Amino acid sequence: MYWTLELASKLEDAPWPATKEELIDFAMRSGAPMEVIENLQEMEDEGETYDNIEEIWPDYPSKEDFFFNEEEY
C-alpha cells in the first residue's frame, strides 16, 4: 500500500466519518483511480470508523503545511 498526495486527495470529499467499506464505495462511485481502491482494500479492517484522511495517511499535508498567506489573494 502506498499513498501519494494525488491519490489521497481523491478522498478529501469522502463522507467522514466513514468505515473502510464506505470509503471503498465512495472511491468506486466517485471514479477514483484503481490505486486508491486497492490501497483501501489493503488496510487492516477492525471495524473502526475513520474521522478524516489523516487517520488513513498520517503524512497528508494540511493547509497549515503550505507557506502562503490566503489573505494576500
N, C-alpha and C. Protein backbone atom coordinates (compact mmCIF):
# COMPACT_ATOMS: atom_id res chain seq x y z
N MET A 1 0.85 -1.18 0.00
CA MET A 1 0.00 0.00 0.00
C MET A 1 0.89 1.23 0.00
N TYR A 2 0.59 2.14 -0.88
CA TYR A 2 1.32 3.40 -0.93
C TYR A 2 0.35 4.53 -1.23
N TRP A 3 0.60 5.66 -0.62
CA TRP A 3 -0.22 6.84 -0.85
C TRP A 3 0.64 7.94 -1.42
N THR A 4 0.06 8.67 -2.31
CA THR A 4 0.67 9.90 -2.80
C THR A 4 -0.33 11.01 -2.55
N LEU A 5 0.12 12.23 -2.66
CA LEU A 5 -0.78 13.36 -2.45
C LEU A 5 -1.95 13.31 -3.42
N GLU A 6 -1.67 12.96 -4.66
CA GLU A 6 -2.73 12.88 -5.67
C GLU A 6 -3.76 11.80 -5.33
N LEU A 7 -3.29 10.63 -4.91
CA LEU A 7 -4.21 9.54 -4.57
C LEU A 7 -5.03 9.88 -3.33
N ALA A 8 -4.38 10.37 -2.29
CA ALA A 8 -5.08 10.68 -1.05
C ALA A 8 -6.08 11.80 -1.24
N SER A 9 -5.79 12.74 -2.14
CA SER A 9 -6.71 13.86 -2.36
C SER A 9 -8.06 13.40 -2.92
N LYS A 10 -8.12 12.22 -3.49
CA LYS A 10 -9.38 11.69 -4.03
C LYS A 10 -10.37 11.38 -2.91
N LEU A 11 -9.88 11.31 -1.66
CA LEU A 11 -10.75 11.01 -0.53
C LEU A 11 -11.11 12.24 0.29
N GLU A 12 -10.66 13.42 -0.13
CA GLU A 12 -10.95 14.64 0.63
C GLU A 12 -12.45 14.87 0.81
N ASP A 13 -13.23 14.58 -0.20
CA ASP A 13 -14.68 14.84 -0.14
C ASP A 13 -15.47 13.63 0.34
N ALA A 14 -14.79 12.64 0.87
CA ALA A 14 -15.48 11.44 1.37
C ALA A 14 -16.40 11.81 2.52
N PRO A 15 -17.44 11.03 2.74
CA PRO A 15 -18.40 11.33 3.82
C PRO A 15 -17.83 10.93 5.18
N TRP A 16 -16.95 11.77 5.73
CA TRP A 16 -16.32 11.48 7.03
C TRP A 16 -17.31 11.70 8.15
N PRO A 17 -17.29 10.94 9.21
CA PRO A 17 -16.52 9.71 9.44
C PRO A 17 -17.07 8.58 8.58
N ALA A 18 -16.16 7.64 8.27
CA ALA A 18 -16.55 6.54 7.37
C ALA A 18 -15.77 5.28 7.73
N THR A 19 -16.38 4.15 7.46
CA THR A 19 -15.72 2.87 7.64
C THR A 19 -14.92 2.54 6.38
N LYS A 20 -14.14 1.51 6.44
CA LYS A 20 -13.35 1.08 5.29
C LYS A 20 -14.27 0.78 4.10
N GLU A 21 -15.34 0.06 4.33
CA GLU A 21 -16.27 -0.29 3.24
C GLU A 21 -16.94 0.94 2.64
N GLU A 22 -17.29 1.91 3.49
CA GLU A 22 -17.90 3.14 2.98
C GLU A 22 -16.91 3.93 2.13
N LEU A 23 -15.64 3.93 2.53
CA LEU A 23 -14.62 4.63 1.75
C LEU A 23 -14.40 3.96 0.41
N ILE A 24 -14.39 2.63 0.40
CA ILE A 24 -14.24 1.90 -0.86
C ILE A 24 -15.42 2.20 -1.78
N ASP A 25 -16.62 2.19 -1.22
CA ASP A 25 -17.82 2.50 -2.00
C ASP A 25 -17.74 3.93 -2.56
N PHE A 26 -17.33 4.88 -1.74
CA PHE A 26 -17.20 6.26 -2.20
C PHE A 26 -16.19 6.36 -3.33
N ALA A 27 -15.03 5.70 -3.15
CA ALA A 27 -13.98 5.76 -4.17
C ALA A 27 -14.47 5.18 -5.49
N MET A 28 -15.21 4.10 -5.43
CA MET A 28 -15.72 3.48 -6.66
C MET A 28 -16.75 4.38 -7.34
N ARG A 29 -17.67 4.94 -6.55
CA ARG A 29 -18.72 5.79 -7.12
C ARG A 29 -18.18 7.11 -7.66
N SER A 30 -17.10 7.61 -7.05
CA SER A 30 -16.57 8.91 -7.48
C SER A 30 -15.54 8.79 -8.61
N GLY A 31 -15.26 7.57 -9.04
CA GLY A 31 -14.34 7.38 -10.15
C GLY A 31 -12.88 7.55 -9.78
N ALA A 32 -12.55 7.26 -8.54
CA ALA A 32 -11.15 7.37 -8.10
C ALA A 32 -10.30 6.33 -8.83
N PRO A 33 -9.02 6.61 -8.98
CA PRO A 33 -8.13 5.64 -9.64
C PRO A 33 -8.12 4.29 -8.90
N MET A 34 -7.85 3.24 -9.63
CA MET A 34 -7.84 1.90 -9.05
C MET A 34 -6.85 1.79 -7.89
N GLU A 35 -5.77 2.55 -7.92
CA GLU A 35 -4.79 2.51 -6.85
C GLU A 35 -5.39 2.92 -5.51
N VAL A 36 -6.32 3.88 -5.52
CA VAL A 36 -6.99 4.31 -4.28
C VAL A 36 -7.81 3.16 -3.72
N ILE A 37 -8.56 2.50 -4.57
CA ILE A 37 -9.40 1.38 -4.13
C ILE A 37 -8.53 0.24 -3.61
N GLU A 38 -7.44 -0.05 -4.31
CA GLU A 38 -6.53 -1.11 -3.87
C GLU A 38 -5.91 -0.77 -2.51
N ASN A 39 -5.51 0.49 -2.32
CA ASN A 39 -4.94 0.90 -1.04
C ASN A 39 -5.96 0.74 0.09
N LEU A 40 -7.20 1.11 -0.17
CA LEU A 40 -8.23 0.97 0.85
C LEU A 40 -8.49 -0.50 1.16
N GLN A 41 -8.50 -1.35 0.15
CA GLN A 41 -8.73 -2.77 0.36
C GLN A 41 -7.61 -3.42 1.16
N GLU A 42 -6.39 -2.89 1.04
CA GLU A 42 -5.25 -3.46 1.76
C GLU A 42 -5.20 -3.04 3.22
N MET A 43 -5.99 -2.05 3.61
CA MET A 43 -5.98 -1.61 5.00
C MET A 43 -6.52 -2.70 5.90
N GLU A 44 -5.93 -2.81 7.09
CA GLU A 44 -6.46 -3.75 8.08
C GLU A 44 -7.81 -3.24 8.54
N ASP A 45 -8.80 -4.12 8.56
CA ASP A 45 -10.15 -3.70 8.92
C ASP A 45 -10.52 -4.29 10.27
N GLU A 46 -10.60 -3.42 11.25
CA GLU A 46 -11.02 -3.83 12.58
C GLU A 46 -12.39 -3.27 12.89
N GLY A 47 -13.11 -2.88 11.84
CA GLY A 47 -14.45 -2.34 12.02
C GLY A 47 -14.47 -0.92 12.55
N GLU A 48 -13.33 -0.26 12.51
CA GLU A 48 -13.26 1.08 13.05
C GLU A 48 -13.76 2.13 12.05
N THR A 49 -14.09 3.28 12.57
CA THR A 49 -14.53 4.39 11.75
C THR A 49 -13.39 5.41 11.69
N TYR A 50 -13.13 5.90 10.50
CA TYR A 50 -12.08 6.90 10.28
C TYR A 50 -12.73 8.27 10.23
N ASP A 51 -12.16 9.22 10.97
CA ASP A 51 -12.73 10.57 11.03
C ASP A 51 -12.23 11.49 9.94
N ASN A 52 -11.06 11.18 9.36
CA ASN A 52 -10.51 12.03 8.31
C ASN A 52 -9.38 11.29 7.60
N ILE A 53 -8.85 11.90 6.55
CA ILE A 53 -7.80 11.28 5.75
C ILE A 53 -6.52 11.09 6.55
N GLU A 54 -6.28 11.94 7.53
CA GLU A 54 -5.06 11.82 8.33
C GLU A 54 -5.00 10.51 9.12
N GLU A 55 -6.15 9.92 9.43
CA GLU A 55 -6.16 8.65 10.13
C GLU A 55 -5.77 7.49 9.22
N ILE A 56 -5.91 7.70 7.92
CA ILE A 56 -5.52 6.68 6.94
C ILE A 56 -4.07 6.91 6.52
N TRP A 57 -3.73 8.16 6.24
CA TRP A 57 -2.38 8.52 5.81
C TRP A 57 -1.92 9.70 6.66
N PRO A 58 -1.22 9.41 7.78
CA PRO A 58 -0.83 10.48 8.72
C PRO A 58 0.02 11.59 8.10
N ASP A 59 0.68 11.34 6.99
CA ASP A 59 1.53 12.36 6.37
C ASP A 59 0.76 13.29 5.44
N TYR A 60 -0.55 13.15 5.35
CA TYR A 60 -1.33 14.00 4.45
C TYR A 60 -1.17 15.45 4.89
N PRO A 61 -0.75 16.33 3.99
CA PRO A 61 -0.50 17.73 4.38
C PRO A 61 -1.79 18.49 4.65
N SER A 62 -1.75 19.29 5.68
CA SER A 62 -2.90 20.14 5.99
C SER A 62 -2.65 21.53 5.41
N LYS A 63 -3.64 22.39 5.51
CA LYS A 63 -3.47 23.75 4.98
C LYS A 63 -2.34 24.48 5.70
N GLU A 64 -2.10 24.14 6.95
CA GLU A 64 -1.04 24.80 7.70
C GLU A 64 0.35 24.43 7.17
N ASP A 65 0.45 23.34 6.41
CA ASP A 65 1.73 22.90 5.88
C ASP A 65 2.20 23.74 4.69
N PHE A 66 1.31 24.51 4.12
CA PHE A 66 1.68 25.33 2.97
C PHE A 66 2.05 26.73 3.44
N PHE A 67 3.02 27.31 2.82
CA PHE A 67 3.55 28.59 3.27
C PHE A 67 3.03 29.74 2.41
N PHE A 68 1.76 29.98 2.44
CA PHE A 68 1.23 31.15 1.74
C PHE A 68 0.16 31.79 2.60
N ASN A 69 -0.02 33.05 2.40
CA ASN A 69 -0.99 33.80 3.16
C ASN A 69 -2.24 33.95 2.32
N GLU A 70 -3.33 33.32 2.74
CA GLU A 70 -4.57 33.35 1.97
C GLU A 70 -5.13 34.76 1.83
N GLU A 71 -4.82 35.65 2.79
CA GLU A 71 -5.35 37.00 2.74
C GLU A 71 -4.74 37.83 1.61
N GLU A 72 -3.59 37.38 1.09
CA GLU A 72 -2.95 38.11 0.01
C GLU A 72 -3.64 37.90 -1.34
N TYR A 73 -4.49 36.91 -1.43
CA TYR A 73 -5.09 36.58 -2.73
C TYR A 73 -6.53 36.99 -2.82
